[in-house]
Amino acid sequence: MPVTVDEVRALAVTLPRSYEVVVRGRLKFRVGRIVFLSFSRDGETMGFGFPKEWRDALVEAEPEKFSLPDESDMRFHWVHVRLAAIDSEEMRDLVEGAWAMVVPKRVAAAYAQRRHVE
């Protein structure tokens, strides 16, 4: 089953310090002022925070799923994924990884510990 925006939202709102905003008609999730998730207007693509040094390898390994952002956004730690190409488990990994990049390490560690216990 392809992942939906609603599934991503349901997870993203549970992450500590995460909140939802709409900017120019696009749904985004932030921690503070930093965006870690963003959706295309049609809801088919999700942009997410990802380490710059690994994004080329990610896109080259699975170009049917992942793509680089527009040239103007290459300065950011960012990659795009087609929601229809991933399952719920992969979505969770991508969302939690993007979120963990923007919260203090202790917050991410505490969340990971709670998830491990559950």
C-alpha atoms as a PDB file:
ATOM      1  CA  MET A   1       0.000   0.000   0.000  1.00  0.00           C
ATOM      2  CA  PRO A   2       1.368   3.410  -0.886  1.00  0.00           C
ATOM      3  CA  VAL A   3       1.942   5.831   1.960  1.00  0.00           C
ATOM      4  CA  THR A   4      -0.451   8.773   2.243  1.00  0.00           C
ATOM      5  CA  VAL A   5       0.076  12.304   3.506  1.00  0.00           C
ATOM      6  CA  ASP A   6      -2.346  11.507   6.342  1.00  0.00           C
ATOM      7  CA  GLU A   7      -0.146   8.606   7.491  1.00  0.00           C
ATOM      8  CA  VAL A   8       2.913  10.856   7.524  1.00  0.00           C
ATOM      9  CA  ARG A   9       0.994  13.549   9.397  1.00  0.00           C
ATOM     10  CA  ALA A  10      -0.163  11.033  12.003  1.00  0.00           C
ATOM     11  CA  LEU A  11       3.455  10.158  12.738  1.00  0.00           C
ATOM     12  CA  ALA A  12       4.955  13.640  12.443  1.00  0.00           C
ATOM     13  CA  VAL A  13       2.589  15.210  14.984  1.00  0.00           C
ATOM     14  CA  THR A  14       3.724  12.680  17.603  1.00  0.00           C
ATOM     15  CA  LEU A  15       7.380  13.684  17.375  1.00  0.00           C
ATOM     16  CA  PRO A  16       8.531  15.930  20.239  1.00  0.00           C
ATOM     17  CA  ARG A  17       8.738  19.636  19.325  1.00  0.00           C
ATOM     18  CA  SER A  18       7.253  18.994  15.867  1.00  0.00           C
ATOM     19  CA  TYR A  19       4.413  21.117  14.558  1.00  0.00           C
ATOM     20  CA  GLU A  20       2.477  21.490  11.331  1.00  0.00           C
ATOM     21  CA  VAL A  21       2.279  24.649   9.214  1.00  0.00           C
ATOM     22  CA  VAL A  22       0.916  25.548   5.808  1.00  0.00           C
ATOM     23  CA  VAL A  23       3.153  27.839   3.765  1.00  0.00           C
ATOM     24  CA  ARG A  24       1.956  29.040   0.361  1.00  0.00           C
ATOM     25  CA  GLY A  25      -0.491  26.169   0.183  1.00  0.00           C
ATOM     26  CA  ARG A  26       2.072  23.510   1.090  1.00  0.00           C
ATOM     27  CA  LEU A  27       1.978  21.383   4.225  1.00  0.00           C
ATOM     28  CA  LYS A  28       5.230  21.418   6.184  1.00  0.00           C
ATOM     29  CA  PHE A  29       6.485  20.176   9.529  1.00  0.00           C
ATOM     30  CA  ARG A  30       8.915  22.160  11.616  1.00  0.00           C
ATOM     31  CA  VAL A  31      10.906  22.051  14.797  1.00  0.00           C
ATOM     32  CA  GLY A  32      11.330  25.657  15.821  1.00  0.00           C
ATOM     33  CA  ARG A  33      11.825  27.491  12.542  1.00  0.00           C
ATOM     34  CA  ILE A  34      13.527  24.573  10.774  1.00  0.00           C
ATOM     35  CA  VAL A  35      11.491  22.603   8.235  1.00  0.00           C
ATOM     36  CA  PHE A  36      12.203  18.870   8.276  1.00  0.00           C
ATOM     37  CA  LEU A  37       9.281  17.663   6.085  1.00  0.00           C
ATOM     38  CA  SER A  38       7.400  19.267   3.235  1.00  0.00           C
ATOM     39  CA  PHE A  39       4.810  17.982   0.761  1.00  0.00           C
ATOM     40  CA  SER A  40       4.167  18.884  -2.845  1.00  0.00           C
ATOM     41  CA  ARG A  41       0.821  20.580  -3.431  1.00  0.00           C
ATOM     42  CA  ASP A  42      -0.563  17.404  -5.021  1.00  0.00           C
ATOM     43  CA  GLY A  43       0.594  15.275  -2.058  1.00  0.00           C
ATOM     44  CA  GLU A  44       2.544  12.854  -4.237  1.00  0.00           C
ATOM     45  CA  THR A  45       6.037  13.890  -3.150  1.00  0.00           C
ATOM     46  CA  MET A  46       7.557  14.477   0.272  1.00  0.00           C
ATOM     47  CA  GLY A  47      10.718  16.490   0.800  1.00  0.00           C
ATOM     48  CA  PHE A  48      12.678  15.558   3.902  1.00  0.00           C
ATOM     49  CA  GLY A  49      15.872  16.455   5.686  1.00  0.00           C
ATOM     50  CA  PHE A  50      18.759  14.174   4.778  1.00  0.00           C
ATOM     51  CA  PRO A  51      22.550  14.443   5.115  1.00  0.00           C
ATOM     52  CA  LYS A  52      24.052  16.191   2.072  1.00  0.00           C
ATOM     53  CA  GLU A  53      26.993  13.803   1.916  1.00  0.00           C
ATOM     54  CA  TRP A  54      24.679  10.785   1.410  1.00  0.00           C
ATOM     55  CA  ARG A  55      21.933  12.149  -0.819  1.00  0.00           C
ATOM     56  CA  ASP A  56      23.622  11.489  -4.186  1.00  0.00           C
ATOM     57  CA  ALA A  57      24.150   7.854  -3.203  1.00  0.00           C
ATOM     58  CA  LEU A  58      20.514   7.565  -2.074  1.00  0.00           C
ATOM     59  CA  VAL A  59      19.150   8.960  -5.331  1.00  0.00           C
ATOM     60  CA  GLU A  60      21.535   6.909  -7.484  1.00  0.00           C
ATOM     61  CA  ALA A  61      20.640   3.695  -5.615  1.00  0.00           C
ATOM     62  CA  GLU A  62      16.883   4.106  -6.047  1.00  0.00           C
ATOM     63  CA  PRO A  63      16.048   6.767  -8.668  1.00  0.00           C
ATOM     64  CA  GLU A  64      12.498   5.402  -8.986  1.00  0.00           C
ATOM     65  CA  LYS A  65      11.885   6.523  -5.380  1.00  0.00           C
ATOM     66  CA  PHE A  66      14.180   9.435  -4.648  1.00  0.00           C
ATOM     67  CA  SER A  67      15.165  12.659  -6.387  1.00  0.00           C
ATOM     68  CA  LEU A  68      17.304  15.663  -5.643  1.00  0.00           C
ATOM     69  CA  PRO A  69      15.653  19.000  -4.916  1.00  0.00           C
ATOM     70  CA  ASP A  70      15.635  21.889  -7.375  1.00  0.00           C
ATOM     71  CA  GLU A  71      18.986  23.603  -7.888  1.00  0.00           C
ATOM     72  CA  SER A  72      17.905  26.499  -5.653  1.00  0.00           C
ATOM     73  CA  ASP A  73      17.387  24.056  -2.743  1.00  0.00           C
ATOM     74  CA  MET A  74      20.623  22.093  -3.148  1.00  0.00           C
ATOM     75  CA  ARG A  75      22.220  24.180  -0.399  1.00  0.00           C
ATOM     76  CA  PHE A  76      19.872  22.558   2.114  1.00  0.00           C
ATOM     77  CA  HIS A  77      20.014  19.045   3.569  1.00  0.00           C
ATOM     78  CA  TRP A  78      17.104  17.865   1.437  1.00  0.00           C
ATOM     79  CA  VAL A  79      15.859  14.972  -0.739  1.00  0.00           C
ATOM     80  CA  HIS A  80      12.472  14.166  -2.301  1.00  0.00           C
ATOM     81  CA  VAL A  81      10.643  10.847  -2.261  1.00  0.00           C
ATOM     82  CA  ARG A  82       7.560   9.660  -4.124  1.00  0.00           C
ATOM     83  CA  LEU A  83       5.108   8.527  -1.438  1.00  0.00           C
ATOM     84  CA  ALA A  84       3.666   5.834  -3.705  1.00  0.00           C
ATOM     85  CA  ALA A  85       7.119   4.222  -3.899  1.00  0.00           C
ATOM     86  CA  ILE A  86       7.634   3.615  -0.163  1.00  0.00           C
ATOM     87  CA  ASP A  87       5.931   1.585   2.531  1.00  0.00           C
ATOM     88  CA  SER A  88       5.013   2.627   6.072  1.00  0.00           C
ATOM     89  CA  GLU A  89       8.219   1.280   7.609  1.00  0.00           C
ATOM     90  CA  GLU A  90      10.459   3.189   5.195  1.00  0.00           C
ATOM     91  CA  MET A  91       8.339   6.314   5.675  1.00  0.00           C
ATOM     92  CA  ARG A  92       8.842   6.067   9.440  1.00  0.00           C
ATOM     93  CA  ASP A  93      12.613   5.766   8.992  1.00  0.00           C
ATOM     94  CA  LEU A  94      12.747   8.796   6.686  1.00  0.00           C
ATOM     95  CA  VAL A  95      10.496  10.979   8.856  1.00  0.00           C
ATOM     96  CA  GLU A  96      12.195  10.092  12.132  1.00  0.00           C
ATOM     97  CA  GLY A  97      15.625  10.554  10.546  1.00  0.00           C
ATOM     98  CA  ALA A  98      14.724  13.996   9.183  1.00  0.00           C
ATOM     99  CA  TRP A  99      13.281  15.016  12.544  1.00  0.00           C
ATOM    100  CA  ALA A 100      16.333  13.733  14.443  1.00  0.00           C
ATOM    101  CA  MET A 101      18.551  16.006  12.334  1.00  0.00           C
ATOM    102  CA  VAL A 102      16.848  19.139  13.692  1.00  0.00           C
ATOM    103  CA  VAL A 103      16.200  18.402  17.371  1.00  0.00           C
ATOM    104  CA  PRO A 104      18.802  18.369  20.133  1.00  0.00           C
ATOM    105  CA  LYS A 105      20.595  15.011  20.314  1.00  0.00           C
ATOM    106  CA  ARG A 106      19.210  14.361  23.807  1.00  0.00           C
ATOM    107  CA  VAL A 107      15.625  14.763  22.532  1.00  0.00           C
ATOM    108  CA  ALA A 108      16.247  12.344  19.661  1.00  0.00           C
ATOM    109  CA  ALA A 109      17.970   9.867  22.025  1.00  0.00           C
ATOM    110  CA  ALA A 110      15.083   9.974  24.510  1.00  0.00           C
ATOM    111  CA  TYR A 111      12.570   9.375  21.706  1.00  0.00           C
ATOM    112  CA  ALA A 112      14.623   6.463  20.339  1.00  0.00           C
ATOM    113  CA  GLN A 113      14.840   4.937  23.822  1.00  0.00           C
ATOM    114  CA  ARG A 114      11.047   5.180  24.281  1.00  0.00           C
ATOM    115  CA  ARG A 115      10.457   3.575  20.854  1.00  0.00           C
ATOM    116  CA  HIS A 116      12.867   0.772  21.678  1.00  0.00           C
ATOM    117  CA  VAL A 117      11.000   0.021  24.915  1.00  0.00           C
ATOM    118  CA  GLU A 118       7.558  -0.048  23.255  1.00  0.00           C
END
